Amino acid sequence: MLIKCPLCGPRDRREFYYYGSDDYLNRPGEAAPPSAWDDYLHNRDNPAGMTRDLWYHEMGCTSWLVVTRDTVTHDIHAVEPVAERGTTA
């Protein structure tokens, strides 16, 4: 699977570290109950089809990226830097 890094160009997925759903960027607040933190840290969806995932270009430019991909076909539909979304990882 090739991921088109906005800074480095097409790269093999082994250069990247998969971090999970882009919902990971939405941390529970300080007053959130323990169940919210448990869901955030341990309970992840594993849908078949289109997903938006957080990836780190570990062996490249060290950018955090949101990758929109199909988990069934492995087609990548979009790659965008997290910084452009106004969110830091």
N, C-alpha and C. Protein backbone atom coordinates (compact mmCIF):
# COMPACT_ATOMS: atom_id res chain seq x y z
N MET A 1 0.85 -1.17 0.00
CA MET A 1 0.00 0.00 0.00
C MET A 1 0.90 1.24 0.00
N LEU A 2 0.64 2.16 -0.90
CA LEU A 2 1.39 3.41 -0.98
C LEU A 2 0.56 4.55 -0.40
N ILE A 3 1.20 5.36 0.42
CA ILE A 3 0.56 6.55 0.98
C ILE A 3 1.26 7.76 0.38
N LYS A 4 0.48 8.67 -0.21
CA LYS A 4 1.06 9.88 -0.81
C LYS A 4 1.25 10.94 0.26
N CYS A 5 2.43 11.00 0.83
CA CYS A 5 2.75 12.04 1.81
C CYS A 5 2.75 13.39 1.09
N PRO A 6 2.08 14.41 1.64
CA PRO A 6 2.06 15.72 1.00
C PRO A 6 3.44 16.35 0.87
N LEU A 7 4.39 15.96 1.72
CA LEU A 7 5.73 16.54 1.67
C LEU A 7 6.75 15.65 0.96
N CYS A 8 6.61 14.33 1.07
CA CYS A 8 7.61 13.40 0.55
C CYS A 8 7.20 12.68 -0.72
N GLY A 9 5.92 12.73 -1.08
CA GLY A 9 5.45 11.99 -2.23
C GLY A 9 5.02 10.58 -1.84
N PRO A 10 4.78 9.72 -2.84
CA PRO A 10 4.33 8.36 -2.55
C PRO A 10 5.39 7.55 -1.79
N ARG A 11 4.95 6.92 -0.70
CA ARG A 11 5.86 6.13 0.13
C ARG A 11 5.16 4.83 0.54
N ASP A 12 5.94 3.79 0.76
CA ASP A 12 5.42 2.52 1.24
C ASP A 12 4.84 2.71 2.63
N ARG A 13 3.76 2.03 2.93
CA ARG A 13 3.10 2.19 4.23
C ARG A 13 4.00 1.81 5.40
N ARG A 14 5.06 1.04 5.16
CA ARG A 14 5.96 0.65 6.24
C ARG A 14 6.77 1.81 6.78
N GLU A 15 6.78 2.95 6.07
CA GLU A 15 7.44 4.15 6.58
C GLU A 15 6.59 4.86 7.62
N PHE A 16 5.33 4.47 7.72
CA PHE A 16 4.37 5.16 8.57
C PHE A 16 3.99 4.31 9.78
N TYR A 17 3.57 4.99 10.82
CA TYR A 17 3.06 4.32 12.01
C TYR A 17 1.56 4.59 12.07
N TYR A 18 0.76 3.53 12.06
CA TYR A 18 -0.70 3.65 12.14
C TYR A 18 -1.10 3.94 13.57
N TYR A 19 -1.90 4.98 13.77
CA TYR A 19 -2.28 5.36 15.13
C TYR A 19 -3.74 5.12 15.44
N GLY A 20 -4.56 4.83 14.44
CA GLY A 20 -5.98 4.57 14.67
C GLY A 20 -6.87 5.61 14.02
N SER A 21 -8.12 5.59 14.40
CA SER A 21 -9.11 6.51 13.86
C SER A 21 -8.75 7.95 14.16
N ASP A 22 -9.13 8.86 13.26
CA ASP A 22 -8.83 10.27 13.52
C ASP A 22 -9.65 10.82 14.68
N ASP A 23 -10.62 10.04 15.19
CA ASP A 23 -11.33 10.43 16.41
C ASP A 23 -10.38 10.47 17.61
N TYR A 24 -9.22 9.85 17.46
CA TYR A 24 -8.23 9.84 18.54
C TYR A 24 -7.81 11.26 18.90
N LEU A 25 -7.97 12.20 17.97
CA LEU A 25 -7.60 13.59 18.24
C LEU A 25 -8.58 14.27 19.18
N ASN A 26 -9.75 13.67 19.39
CA ASN A 26 -10.78 14.26 20.24
C ASN A 26 -10.75 13.62 21.63
N ARG A 27 -9.84 14.08 22.47
CA ARG A 27 -9.68 13.53 23.82
C ARG A 27 -10.83 13.96 24.72
N PRO A 28 -11.19 13.10 25.68
CA PRO A 28 -12.19 13.51 26.67
C PRO A 28 -11.67 14.66 27.52
N GLY A 29 -12.56 15.47 28.03
CA GLY A 29 -12.18 16.58 28.89
C GLY A 29 -11.72 16.11 30.26
N GLU A 30 -11.17 17.03 31.04
CA GLU A 30 -10.66 16.70 32.38
C GLU A 30 -11.74 16.13 33.29
N ALA A 31 -12.96 16.60 33.14
CA ALA A 31 -14.05 16.16 34.02
C ALA A 31 -14.78 14.93 33.48
N ALA A 32 -14.27 14.34 32.40
CA ALA A 32 -14.94 13.18 31.79
C ALA A 32 -14.91 11.99 32.75
N PRO A 33 -15.95 11.17 32.73
CA PRO A 33 -15.98 9.99 33.61
C PRO A 33 -14.96 8.94 33.14
N PRO A 34 -14.59 8.03 34.02
CA PRO A 34 -13.63 6.99 33.64
C PRO A 34 -14.06 6.17 32.42
N SER A 35 -15.36 5.98 32.25
CA SER A 35 -15.84 5.20 31.09
C SER A 35 -15.48 5.90 29.77
N ALA A 36 -15.50 7.23 29.75
CA ALA A 36 -15.13 7.97 28.54
C ALA A 36 -13.65 7.78 28.23
N TRP A 37 -12.81 7.79 29.27
CA TRP A 37 -11.38 7.55 29.08
C TRP A 37 -11.11 6.11 28.66
N ASP A 38 -11.87 5.17 29.20
CA ASP A 38 -11.71 3.77 28.81
C ASP A 38 -12.03 3.60 27.32
N ASP A 39 -13.12 4.20 26.87
CA ASP A 39 -13.48 4.15 25.45
C ASP A 39 -12.39 4.78 24.60
N TYR A 40 -11.89 5.93 25.02
CA TYR A 40 -10.86 6.65 24.27
C TYR A 40 -9.57 5.85 24.14
N LEU A 41 -9.17 5.19 25.21
CA LEU A 41 -7.89 4.48 25.23
C LEU A 41 -7.94 3.05 24.71
N HIS A 42 -9.07 2.36 24.93
CA HIS A 42 -9.07 0.92 24.67
C HIS A 42 -10.09 0.42 23.67
N ASN A 43 -11.18 1.09 23.48
CA ASN A 43 -12.26 0.57 22.65
C ASN A 43 -12.28 1.27 21.30
N ARG A 44 -11.94 0.53 20.25
CA ARG A 44 -11.88 1.10 18.91
C ARG A 44 -12.84 0.35 17.99
N ASP A 45 -13.43 1.09 17.06
CA ASP A 45 -14.23 0.47 16.02
C ASP A 45 -13.29 -0.11 14.97
N ASN A 46 -13.74 -1.13 14.28
CA ASN A 46 -12.97 -1.73 13.20
C ASN A 46 -13.90 -1.94 12.01
N PRO A 47 -14.34 -0.82 11.39
CA PRO A 47 -15.34 -0.94 10.33
C PRO A 47 -14.75 -1.44 9.02
N ALA A 48 -15.58 -2.10 8.23
CA ALA A 48 -15.22 -2.45 6.87
C ALA A 48 -15.72 -1.32 5.98
N GLY A 49 -14.85 -0.81 5.12
CA GLY A 49 -15.23 0.28 4.23
C GLY A 49 -14.40 1.52 4.49
N MET A 50 -15.00 2.68 4.25
CA MET A 50 -14.27 3.95 4.34
C MET A 50 -13.97 4.32 5.79
N THR A 51 -12.72 4.71 6.04
CA THR A 51 -12.30 5.19 7.36
C THR A 51 -11.40 6.40 7.20
N ARG A 52 -11.29 7.17 8.27
CA ARG A 52 -10.32 8.28 8.35
C ARG A 52 -9.40 7.93 9.50
N ASP A 53 -8.13 7.69 9.16
CA ASP A 53 -7.16 7.21 10.13
C ASP A 53 -6.03 8.19 10.33
N LEU A 54 -5.45 8.13 11.50
CA LEU A 54 -4.30 8.96 11.85
C LEU A 54 -3.03 8.14 11.64
N TRP A 55 -2.11 8.68 10.85
CA TRP A 55 -0.84 8.03 10.56
C TRP A 55 0.30 9.00 10.84
N TYR A 56 1.43 8.48 11.28
CA TYR A 56 2.63 9.28 11.56
C TYR A 56 3.73 8.85 10.59
N HIS A 57 4.31 9.78 9.85
CA HIS A 57 5.37 9.45 8.89
C HIS A 57 6.70 9.35 9.63
N GLU A 58 6.84 8.23 10.31
CA GLU A 58 7.96 7.98 11.22
C GLU A 58 9.31 7.94 10.50
N MET A 59 9.37 7.32 9.34
CA MET A 59 10.64 7.17 8.63
C MET A 59 10.76 8.16 7.49
N GLY A 60 10.13 9.31 7.65
CA GLY A 60 10.17 10.34 6.61
C GLY A 60 10.22 11.71 7.23
N CYS A 61 9.22 12.52 6.90
CA CYS A 61 9.20 13.93 7.32
C CYS A 61 8.64 14.14 8.73
N THR A 62 8.24 13.10 9.40
CA THR A 62 7.67 13.13 10.75
C THR A 62 6.36 13.93 10.84
N SER A 63 5.61 13.94 9.75
CA SER A 63 4.31 14.61 9.74
C SER A 63 3.22 13.67 10.25
N TRP A 64 2.20 14.26 10.89
CA TRP A 64 0.99 13.54 11.25
C TRP A 64 0.01 13.75 10.11
N LEU A 65 -0.60 12.66 9.64
CA LEU A 65 -1.48 12.71 8.49
C LEU A 65 -2.82 12.05 8.79
N VAL A 66 -3.88 12.57 8.19
CA VAL A 66 -5.18 11.91 8.21
C VAL A 66 -5.35 11.27 6.84
N VAL A 67 -5.50 9.94 6.83
CA VAL A 67 -5.61 9.17 5.59
C VAL A 67 -7.04 8.64 5.48
N THR A 68 -7.72 9.00 4.40
CA THR A 68 -9.05 8.47 4.13
C THR A 68 -8.85 7.29 3.20
N ARG A 69 -9.27 6.10 3.67
CA ARG A 69 -9.02 4.89 2.89
C ARG A 69 -10.16 3.90 3.04
N ASP A 70 -10.19 2.95 2.13
CA ASP A 70 -11.16 1.87 2.16
C ASP A 70 -10.46 0.64 2.73
N THR A 71 -10.94 0.14 3.86
CA THR A 71 -10.29 -0.99 4.52
C THR A 71 -10.53 -2.31 3.80
N VAL A 72 -11.48 -2.34 2.87
CA VAL A 72 -11.75 -3.56 2.12
C VAL A 72 -10.84 -3.66 0.90
N THR A 73 -10.72 -2.57 0.15
CA THR A 73 -9.93 -2.58 -1.09
C THR A 73 -8.52 -2.03 -0.90
N HIS A 74 -8.26 -1.38 0.22
CA HIS A 74 -6.98 -0.73 0.51
C HIS A 74 -6.72 0.47 -0.38
N ASP A 75 -7.74 0.97 -1.07
CA ASP A 75 -7.58 2.19 -1.87
C ASP A 75 -7.52 3.39 -0.95
N ILE A 76 -6.59 4.29 -1.24
CA ILE A 76 -6.46 5.52 -0.47
C ILE A 76 -7.11 6.64 -1.28
N HIS A 77 -8.06 7.35 -0.65
CA HIS A 77 -8.82 8.38 -1.34
C HIS A 77 -8.32 9.78 -1.06
N ALA A 78 -7.70 10.01 0.09
CA ALA A 78 -7.19 11.34 0.42
C ALA A 78 -6.15 11.23 1.53
N VAL A 79 -5.19 12.15 1.50
CA VAL A 79 -4.19 12.28 2.57
C VAL A 79 -4.05 13.76 2.85
N GLU A 80 -4.22 14.14 4.12
CA GLU A 80 -4.08 15.55 4.48
C GLU A 80 -3.30 15.68 5.78
N PRO A 81 -2.44 16.69 5.86
CA PRO A 81 -1.71 16.91 7.10
C PRO A 81 -2.67 17.30 8.24
N VAL A 82 -2.42 16.80 9.43
CA VAL A 82 -3.26 17.15 10.58
C VAL A 82 -3.17 18.66 10.83
N ALA A 83 -2.02 19.24 10.63
CA ALA A 83 -1.83 20.68 10.88
C ALA A 83 -2.78 21.53 10.05
N GLU A 84 -3.13 21.11 8.84
CA GLU A 84 -4.05 21.88 8.00
C GLU A 84 -5.47 21.84 8.52
N ARG A 85 -5.78 20.87 9.39
CA ARG A 85 -7.12 20.76 9.96
C ARG A 85 -7.27 21.66 11.17
N GLY A 86 -6.18 22.31 11.59
CA GLY A 86 -6.23 23.18 12.75
C GLY A 86 -6.13 22.41 14.05
N THR A 87 -5.62 21.17 13.98
CA THR A 87 -5.49 20.31 15.14
C THR A 87 -4.07 19.83 15.22
N THR A 88 -3.53 19.73 16.43
CA THR A 88 -2.20 19.17 16.59
C THR A 88 -2.30 17.79 17.20
N ALA A 89 -1.39 16.96 16.83
CA ALA A 89 -1.37 15.59 17.36
C ALA A 89 -0.40 15.49 18.51
